[in-house]
Protein backbone atom coordinates (compact mmCIF):
# COMPACT_ATOMS: atom_id res chain seq x y z
CA MET A 1 -1.31 -4.62 -126.45
CA SER A 2 -0.21 -1.62 -127.66
CA LEU A 3 -3.80 -1.16 -128.79
CA PHE A 4 -4.93 -1.37 -125.05
CA VAL A 5 -3.12 1.69 -123.86
CA ALA A 6 -6.06 4.15 -123.68
CA SER A 7 -7.19 2.09 -121.41
CA ARG A 8 -4.90 2.98 -118.69
CA SER A 9 -5.79 6.36 -118.19
CA ALA A 10 -8.95 6.03 -118.76
CA PHE A 11 -9.39 3.97 -115.40
CA ARG A 12 -8.90 6.21 -111.79
CA ALA A 13 -9.25 5.27 -108.87
CA ALA A 14 -13.24 4.49 -108.44
CA ALA A 15 -14.43 7.38 -105.82
CA PRO A 16 -17.76 6.65 -103.81
CA LEU A 17 -21.03 6.30 -105.94
CA LYS A 18 -23.29 8.18 -105.22
CA ARG A 19 -26.31 6.54 -103.17
CA GLN A 20 -28.70 6.73 -105.93
CA PHE A 21 -29.80 3.21 -105.35
CA PRO A 22 -32.18 1.71 -102.87
CA ILE A 23 -29.58 0.58 -100.24
CA ARG A 24 -29.20 -3.65 -100.13
CA ARG A 25 -26.20 -4.95 -98.58
CA TYR A 26 -25.83 -7.75 -100.98
CA ALA A 27 -27.85 -9.49 -103.70
CA THR A 28 -28.51 -12.24 -101.95
CA GLU A 29 -31.31 -11.01 -99.65
CA PRO A 30 -34.75 -12.29 -99.92
CA PRO A 31 -36.67 -10.76 -102.79
CA SER A 32 -40.24 -9.33 -102.22
CA ALA A 33 -42.83 -11.50 -101.35
CA ASP A 34 -44.79 -9.55 -103.79
CA PRO A 35 -44.91 -11.63 -107.57
CA LYS A 36 -46.67 -7.74 -108.81
CA LYS A 37 -43.71 -5.41 -107.56
CA GLY A 38 -40.78 -7.35 -109.73
CA SER A 39 -37.30 -6.32 -109.65
CA ASN A 40 -35.48 -3.40 -108.75
CA ASN A 41 -34.06 -4.63 -111.77
CA THR A 42 -35.56 -2.59 -113.84
CA LEU A 43 -33.38 1.01 -113.18
CA LEU A 44 -29.75 1.56 -114.23
CA TYR A 45 -27.09 1.55 -111.25
CA GLY A 46 -24.28 3.91 -112.38
CA GLY A 47 -20.26 4.24 -111.65
CA ALA A 48 -18.21 1.98 -115.09
CA ALA A 49 -15.60 0.30 -117.10
CA ALA A 50 -14.03 2.61 -119.92
CA ALA A 51 -14.99 -0.71 -122.08
CA VAL A 52 -14.84 1.05 -125.69
CA LEU A 53 -11.63 2.93 -124.83
CA ALA A 54 -9.69 -0.61 -125.40
CA ALA A 55 -8.89 -2.15 -128.33
CA GLY A 56 -11.10 -5.50 -127.58
CA TYR A 57 -10.29 -8.12 -124.49
CA TYR A 58 -8.44 -10.61 -125.83
CA PHE A 59 -5.80 -9.86 -128.53
CA LEU A 60 -4.18 -12.82 -130.24
CA SER A 61 -1.72 -12.90 -133.51
CA GLY A 62 -1.13 -16.62 -135.12
CA THR A 63 1.95 -16.60 -134.44
CA THR A 64 2.46 -15.19 -131.33
CA PRO A 65 2.68 -17.96 -128.03
CA ALA A 66 -1.05 -17.19 -126.56
CA ALA A 67 -1.86 -17.89 -130.09
CA LYS A 68 -0.06 -21.09 -129.98
CA LYS A 69 -1.54 -21.48 -126.62
CA ALA A 70 -5.06 -21.44 -127.95
CA GLU A 71 -4.52 -22.89 -130.36
CA GLU A 72 -3.12 -25.95 -128.08
CA LYS A 73 -6.58 -25.76 -126.44
CA VAL A 74 -8.61 -26.33 -129.20
CA LYS A 75 -7.36 -29.01 -129.47
CA GLU A 76 -7.65 -30.58 -125.88
CA ALA A 77 -11.14 -29.76 -126.60
CA SER A 78 -12.27 -32.19 -128.84
CA GLY A 79 -12.24 -34.65 -127.29
CA ALA A 80 -15.16 -37.15 -128.90
CA ALA A 81 -16.74 -34.25 -130.08
CA ALA A 82 -13.66 -35.87 -132.63
CA ASP A 83 -15.21 -38.92 -133.08
CA LYS A 84 -17.31 -39.96 -135.92
CA LEU A 85 -20.72 -38.96 -134.41
CA SER A 86 -22.96 -42.10 -133.76
CA ALA A 87 -26.90 -42.22 -136.05
CA GLY A 88 -28.78 -40.23 -135.05
CA GLU A 89 -26.64 -37.43 -133.07
CA VAL A 90 -27.11 -34.36 -133.55
CA LYS A 91 -23.83 -32.68 -136.12
CA LYS A 92 -21.63 -30.36 -134.87
CA ALA A 93 -19.44 -27.71 -137.25
CA LEU A 94 -16.83 -27.56 -135.06
CA THR A 95 -15.45 -30.51 -133.27
CA GLY A 96 -11.38 -29.16 -132.18
CA GLY A 97 -8.47 -31.71 -132.50
CA ASP A 98 -7.26 -31.88 -135.59
CA GLN A 99 -9.53 -30.31 -137.52
CA GLY A 100 -8.76 -27.37 -138.80
CA TRP A 101 -9.63 -24.27 -139.81
CA VAL A 102 -13.34 -23.93 -140.63
CA SER A 103 -14.99 -21.49 -143.52
CA LEU A 104 -17.60 -20.10 -142.68
CA LYS A 105 -20.10 -18.31 -145.24
CA LEU A 106 -21.30 -14.51 -143.84
CA GLU A 107 -25.35 -14.58 -144.42
CA GLU A 108 -27.00 -11.39 -142.44
CA VAL A 109 -25.05 -8.01 -140.82
CA GLU A 110 -27.00 -6.51 -138.49
CA THR A 111 -25.85 -3.26 -137.08
CA VAL A 112 -26.70 -2.96 -133.39
CA ASN A 113 -25.46 0.71 -132.37
CA HIS A 114 -22.40 2.79 -133.45
CA ASN A 115 -19.92 0.63 -133.38
CA SER A 116 -22.15 -2.88 -133.39
CA LYS A 117 -22.70 -5.54 -135.23
CA ARG A 118 -24.14 -8.65 -135.26
CA PHE A 119 -23.12 -11.42 -137.77
CA ARG A 120 -24.75 -14.17 -138.77
CA PHE A 121 -22.47 -17.19 -140.29
CA ARG A 122 -23.98 -20.09 -141.74
CA LEU A 123 -22.85 -23.52 -140.78
CA PRO A 124 -21.60 -26.66 -143.42
CA GLU A 125 -24.83 -28.13 -142.99
CA ASP A 126 -28.45 -26.78 -142.42
CA ASP A 127 -28.89 -29.02 -139.34
CA MET A 128 -25.93 -28.59 -137.45
CA VAL A 129 -25.60 -27.36 -134.20
CA SER A 130 -21.55 -25.10 -133.67
CA GLY A 131 -20.31 -27.18 -131.56
CA LEU A 132 -19.63 -24.99 -128.63
CA GLN A 133 -20.30 -26.03 -124.72
CA VAL A 134 -20.58 -23.54 -122.46
CA ALA A 135 -18.64 -22.07 -121.51
CA SER A 136 -16.60 -21.86 -124.88
CA ALA A 137 -15.17 -19.72 -127.58
CA ILE A 138 -14.35 -19.90 -130.89
CA LEU A 139 -10.93 -18.53 -132.71
CA THR A 140 -11.29 -16.49 -136.33
CA LYS A 141 -9.63 -15.47 -139.02
CA PHE A 142 -7.80 -13.45 -141.78
CA GLN A 143 -5.01 -13.18 -144.21
CA PRO A 144 -4.60 -9.09 -144.29
CA ALA A 145 -2.79 -8.62 -147.88
CA ASP A 146 0.35 -6.48 -146.54
CA ALA A 147 1.09 -8.73 -143.79
CA GLU A 148 3.02 -12.27 -143.38
CA LYS A 149 0.99 -13.52 -140.58
CA PRO A 150 -2.65 -14.29 -140.04
CA VAL A 151 -4.78 -12.53 -137.96
CA ILE A 152 -6.64 -14.88 -135.02
CA ARG A 153 -8.79 -13.14 -132.52
CA PRO A 154 -11.00 -14.97 -130.27
CA TYR A 155 -14.85 -14.75 -129.55
CA THR A 156 -17.61 -16.08 -128.00
CA PRO A 157 -21.18 -16.46 -129.62
CA ILE A 158 -24.39 -15.26 -128.11
CA SER A 159 -26.36 -17.32 -129.80
CA ASP A 160 -28.06 -20.60 -128.51
CA GLU A 161 -25.08 -23.90 -128.37
CA ASP A 162 -28.06 -25.84 -129.45
CA ALA A 163 -29.35 -23.56 -133.08
CA ARG A 164 -29.09 -25.34 -135.87
CA GLY A 165 -27.29 -24.13 -139.04
CA TYR A 166 -25.88 -21.30 -137.04
CA LEU A 167 -23.86 -19.24 -135.42
CA ASP A 168 -23.92 -15.68 -134.10
CA LEU A 169 -21.25 -12.65 -133.95
CA LEU A 170 -21.44 -9.45 -131.73
CA VAL A 171 -19.00 -7.19 -132.70
CA LYS A 172 -17.23 -3.39 -131.82
CA LYS A 173 -15.60 -2.55 -133.40
CA TYR A 174 -12.28 -0.88 -132.25
CA PRO A 175 -9.91 1.38 -133.54
CA ASN A 176 -6.69 -0.01 -135.09
CA GLY A 177 -8.51 -3.16 -134.76
CA PRO A 178 -7.65 -5.87 -137.21
CA MET A 179 -9.77 -8.20 -136.96
CA SER A 180 -13.26 -6.00 -135.87
CA THR A 181 -12.42 -4.07 -138.40
CA HIS A 182 -12.16 -6.50 -141.07
CA LEU A 183 -15.23 -7.78 -139.83
CA HIS A 184 -17.35 -4.80 -140.36
CA ASP A 185 -15.88 -4.31 -143.80
CA MET A 186 -17.16 -8.21 -144.33
CA VAL A 187 -20.46 -8.02 -146.80
CA PRO A 188 -22.86 -10.68 -147.49
CA GLY A 189 -21.67 -13.78 -148.97
CA GLN A 190 -18.09 -13.84 -148.07
CA HIS A 191 -16.00 -16.46 -145.42
CA LEU A 192 -14.37 -16.19 -141.92
CA ASP A 193 -12.34 -19.01 -140.92
CA VAL A 194 -12.74 -19.85 -137.46
CA LYS A 195 -11.98 -22.75 -135.30
CA GLY A 196 -12.80 -24.42 -132.16
CA PRO A 197 -14.60 -24.58 -129.63
CA VAL A 198 -12.08 -23.01 -127.33
CA PRO A 199 -12.91 -24.74 -123.36
CA LYS A 200 -13.38 -21.78 -121.38
CA TYR A 201 -15.29 -22.39 -117.35
CA PRO A 202 -17.28 -25.93 -117.93
CA TRP A 203 -20.71 -25.26 -116.05
CA SER A 204 -22.89 -28.39 -115.64
CA PRO A 205 -26.53 -26.43 -113.72
CA ASN A 206 -26.42 -26.15 -109.92
CA LYS A 207 -22.69 -25.71 -110.11
CA HIS A 208 -22.75 -22.71 -108.11
CA ALA A 209 -25.81 -21.59 -105.83
CA HIS A 210 -25.03 -17.98 -106.18
CA ILE A 211 -22.61 -16.86 -109.33
CA ALA A 212 -21.82 -13.30 -110.29
CA LEU A 213 -20.63 -11.28 -113.85
CA ILE A 214 -18.65 -8.42 -113.29
CA ALA A 215 -18.50 -6.62 -117.22
CA GLY A 216 -16.87 -4.08 -119.20
CA GLY A 217 -18.25 -3.85 -122.66
CA THR A 218 -17.81 -6.84 -125.00
CA GLY A 219 -16.88 -9.12 -121.81
CA ILE A 220 -20.87 -9.41 -121.83
CA THR A 221 -20.70 -12.73 -124.32
CA PRO A 222 -19.54 -14.39 -122.16
CA MET A 223 -21.51 -13.33 -119.37
CA TYR A 224 -24.19 -13.97 -121.41
CA GLN A 225 -23.45 -17.46 -123.01
CA LEU A 226 -24.00 -18.68 -119.07
CA CYS A 227 -27.36 -16.66 -118.16
CA ARG A 228 -28.74 -18.78 -121.44
CA ALA A 229 -27.60 -22.07 -120.22
CA ILE A 230 -28.76 -21.27 -116.90
CA PHE A 231 -32.70 -20.21 -117.52
CA ASP A 232 -33.14 -22.23 -120.45
CA ASN A 233 -32.74 -25.22 -118.27
CA PRO A 234 -35.07 -25.89 -115.43
CA ASP A 235 -33.83 -27.68 -113.02
CA ASP A 236 -31.03 -24.97 -112.77
CA GLN A 237 -31.81 -22.49 -109.74
CA THR A 238 -28.09 -20.55 -109.77
CA LYS A 239 -29.15 -17.55 -108.98
CA VAL A 240 -27.15 -14.50 -111.71
CA THR A 241 -26.48 -11.63 -110.08
CA LEU A 242 -24.72 -8.89 -113.44
CA VAL A 243 -22.28 -5.42 -113.16
CA PHE A 244 -22.25 -4.62 -116.60
CA GLY A 245 -19.85 -1.19 -116.90
CA ASN A 246 -20.05 0.75 -120.85
CA VAL A 247 -19.77 4.69 -121.80
CA SER A 248 -22.36 5.29 -122.23
CA GLU A 249 -26.43 3.93 -122.70
CA GLU A 250 -25.75 3.10 -126.09
CA ASP A 251 -22.52 0.87 -125.74
CA ILE A 252 -25.09 -0.94 -123.25
CA LEU A 253 -25.10 -4.03 -125.92
CA LEU A 254 -27.18 -7.11 -125.32
CA ARG A 255 -29.60 -4.88 -123.49
CA ASN A 256 -33.24 -6.23 -124.53
CA GLU A 257 -32.07 -10.40 -124.00
CA LEU A 258 -30.91 -9.51 -120.93
CA ALA A 259 -34.18 -7.73 -119.86
CA ALA A 260 -35.95 -10.52 -120.81
CA LEU A 261 -34.39 -11.83 -118.81
CA GLU A 262 -34.34 -10.62 -115.76
CA ASN A 263 -38.52 -10.02 -116.72
CA ARG A 264 -38.51 -13.58 -116.31
CA HIS A 265 -36.65 -14.50 -113.15
CA PRO A 266 -36.49 -11.83 -111.10
CA ARG A 267 -36.03 -13.88 -108.24
CA ARG A 268 -32.79 -14.81 -109.06
CA PHE A 269 -31.21 -12.65 -112.02
CA ARG A 270 -30.43 -8.97 -110.88
CA ALA A 271 -28.46 -6.32 -112.77
CA PHE A 272 -26.66 -3.66 -112.20
CA TYR A 273 -25.92 -2.27 -115.74
CA VAL A 274 -23.51 1.23 -114.95
CA LEU A 275 -22.29 4.17 -116.98
CA ASP A 276 -19.45 6.21 -117.43
CA LYS A 277 -20.95 8.80 -119.09
CA PRO A 278 -24.62 8.88 -118.91
CA PRO A 279 -27.21 10.35 -120.13
CA LYS A 280 -29.05 13.36 -118.38
CA HIS A 281 -32.49 11.15 -117.64
CA TRP A 282 -29.96 9.32 -115.52
CA THR A 283 -30.80 8.19 -112.47
CA GLY A 284 -28.14 5.60 -111.05
CA ALA A 285 -24.91 6.74 -109.96
CA LYS A 286 -22.28 7.83 -112.12
CA GLY A 287 -18.34 7.14 -112.42
CA TYR A 288 -17.13 3.85 -112.92
CA ILE A 289 -17.55 -0.19 -111.49
CA GLY A 290 -15.85 0.82 -107.56
CA ARG A 291 -16.00 -1.17 -104.66
CA ASP A 292 -18.75 0.52 -102.85
CA LEU A 293 -20.94 -0.74 -106.22
CA LEU A 294 -19.88 -4.46 -105.49
CA LYS A 295 -19.93 -5.01 -102.40
CA THR A 296 -23.25 -3.89 -101.68
CA VAL A 297 -24.32 -6.28 -104.63
CA LEU A 298 -21.99 -9.10 -104.81
CA PRO A 299 -22.70 -12.90 -103.02
CA GLU A 300 -20.49 -12.27 -99.78
CA PRO A 301 -16.83 -13.82 -100.11
CA LYS A 302 -18.06 -16.47 -96.78
CA GLU A 303 -21.18 -17.32 -98.62
CA GLU A 304 -20.33 -20.65 -99.50
CA ASN A 305 -20.36 -22.27 -103.37
CA ILE A 306 -20.02 -18.82 -105.19
CA LYS A 307 -18.21 -18.36 -107.75
CA VAL A 308 -17.44 -14.31 -109.90
CA PHE A 309 -16.47 -14.22 -113.54
CA VAL A 310 -15.01 -11.12 -115.05
CA CYS A 311 -14.53 -10.37 -118.42
CA GLY A 312 -13.47 -6.80 -119.50
CA PRO A 313 -11.09 -5.18 -121.26
CA PRO A 314 -7.49 -4.70 -119.43
CA GLY A 315 -7.99 -1.74 -117.32
CA MET A 316 -11.30 -3.01 -115.87
CA MET A 317 -9.52 -6.35 -115.18
CA ASP A 318 -6.68 -4.77 -113.31
CA LEU A 319 -8.90 -2.48 -111.73
CA ILE A 320 -11.26 -5.43 -110.09
CA SER A 321 -9.77 -8.54 -110.59
CA GLY A 322 -5.65 -8.31 -112.26
CA ASN A 323 -5.67 -9.13 -115.48
CA LYS A 324 -4.84 -13.14 -116.60
CA LYS A 325 -1.15 -14.26 -117.93
CA SER A 326 -2.10 -16.78 -120.12
CA PRO A 327 -5.62 -18.17 -121.05
CA LYS A 328 -3.93 -21.10 -119.69
CA ASP A 329 -2.70 -19.19 -116.51
CA GLN A 330 -5.02 -17.06 -114.22
CA GLY A 331 -3.12 -14.70 -112.77
CA GLU A 332 -2.49 -12.76 -109.77
CA LEU A 333 -6.20 -12.00 -108.14
CA THR A 334 -5.95 -8.49 -106.94
CA GLY A 335 -7.44 -5.15 -107.48
CA ILE A 336 -11.01 -4.66 -105.68
CA LEU A 337 -11.96 -8.49 -105.16
CA LYS A 338 -8.85 -9.20 -103.30
CA GLU A 339 -9.75 -5.91 -101.06
CA LEU A 340 -13.65 -6.92 -100.58
CA GLY A 341 -12.08 -10.76 -99.73
CA TYR A 342 -12.19 -13.21 -102.02
CA THR A 343 -10.14 -15.77 -102.96
CA PRO A 344 -9.03 -16.80 -106.52
CA GLU A 345 -10.29 -19.86 -106.05
CA GLN A 346 -13.87 -17.85 -106.13
CA VAL A 347 -12.90 -15.59 -109.28
CA TYR A 348 -12.48 -16.90 -112.40
CA LYS A 349 -11.08 -14.78 -115.51
CA PHE A 350 -12.13 -15.23 -119.08
């Protein structure tokens, strides 16, 4: 984890946030009754985790205990998906179990910003879906020419689980990040080995009345997966509050997609974007994600049936909730969320 050393110095104790947004104690307070007024969420709010200074929020090596645990998790998730598909059932490209690695062809590459790209991989058959469920991820693998061990990293696809024939990854390139560098060097026509699904937090409609998502950098991808599942399902009435921290405005990934969700569901989705190095026109507070902001916008810990999800670089995780011990061990709840009174049962770390 030496690549994350820089993140330790990037996160300092959060200073009290300068109040540049309308004070509202908690996100669950009744919204305006006038639908024409929309939501205050179209404003961006300040205070952030220096997410891109870390080398990715999750690193695995093919022979490390963490990598082995992750691969075991893939096998455990196979279940019925690994069985022979019945007539008329949608075919899944990734079935877990003993399927092994699947080679996917890179079809398109789109530059998103100065250090992030969107990659579209073709599934083996055009009528296949990826096989992922919400929430889950995939493992990626490649063999460096100058190394004995393969590099294995997890990613959460941003494409819809029902999408036929393709799978999209959003990847930020990190300094000395072997997998992100490899992906950014790929060109259409090349192949990448993937395996999955890797199960995370099983979601079902209305599982919680209100969820809060605290993300830094590429930690937004599992949060976006949850948001899509919730707001694409008319039977799911879950309220969602997102706090998304980045270094600069151009680092805000999936901004258009999140804005579209917010415009369609202004009474159920509130998004607070926070920046470490905001531009001059920035109207929100500045700094890092801190206690004051979270206390103001998150659902109160005393409310019934809430859940707080956290995903970001280790420095942000230490500050907000504490890091996981392993893919199967959430570790102790620490940091700001513990100070605010949330219990380990109310918090999930991706």
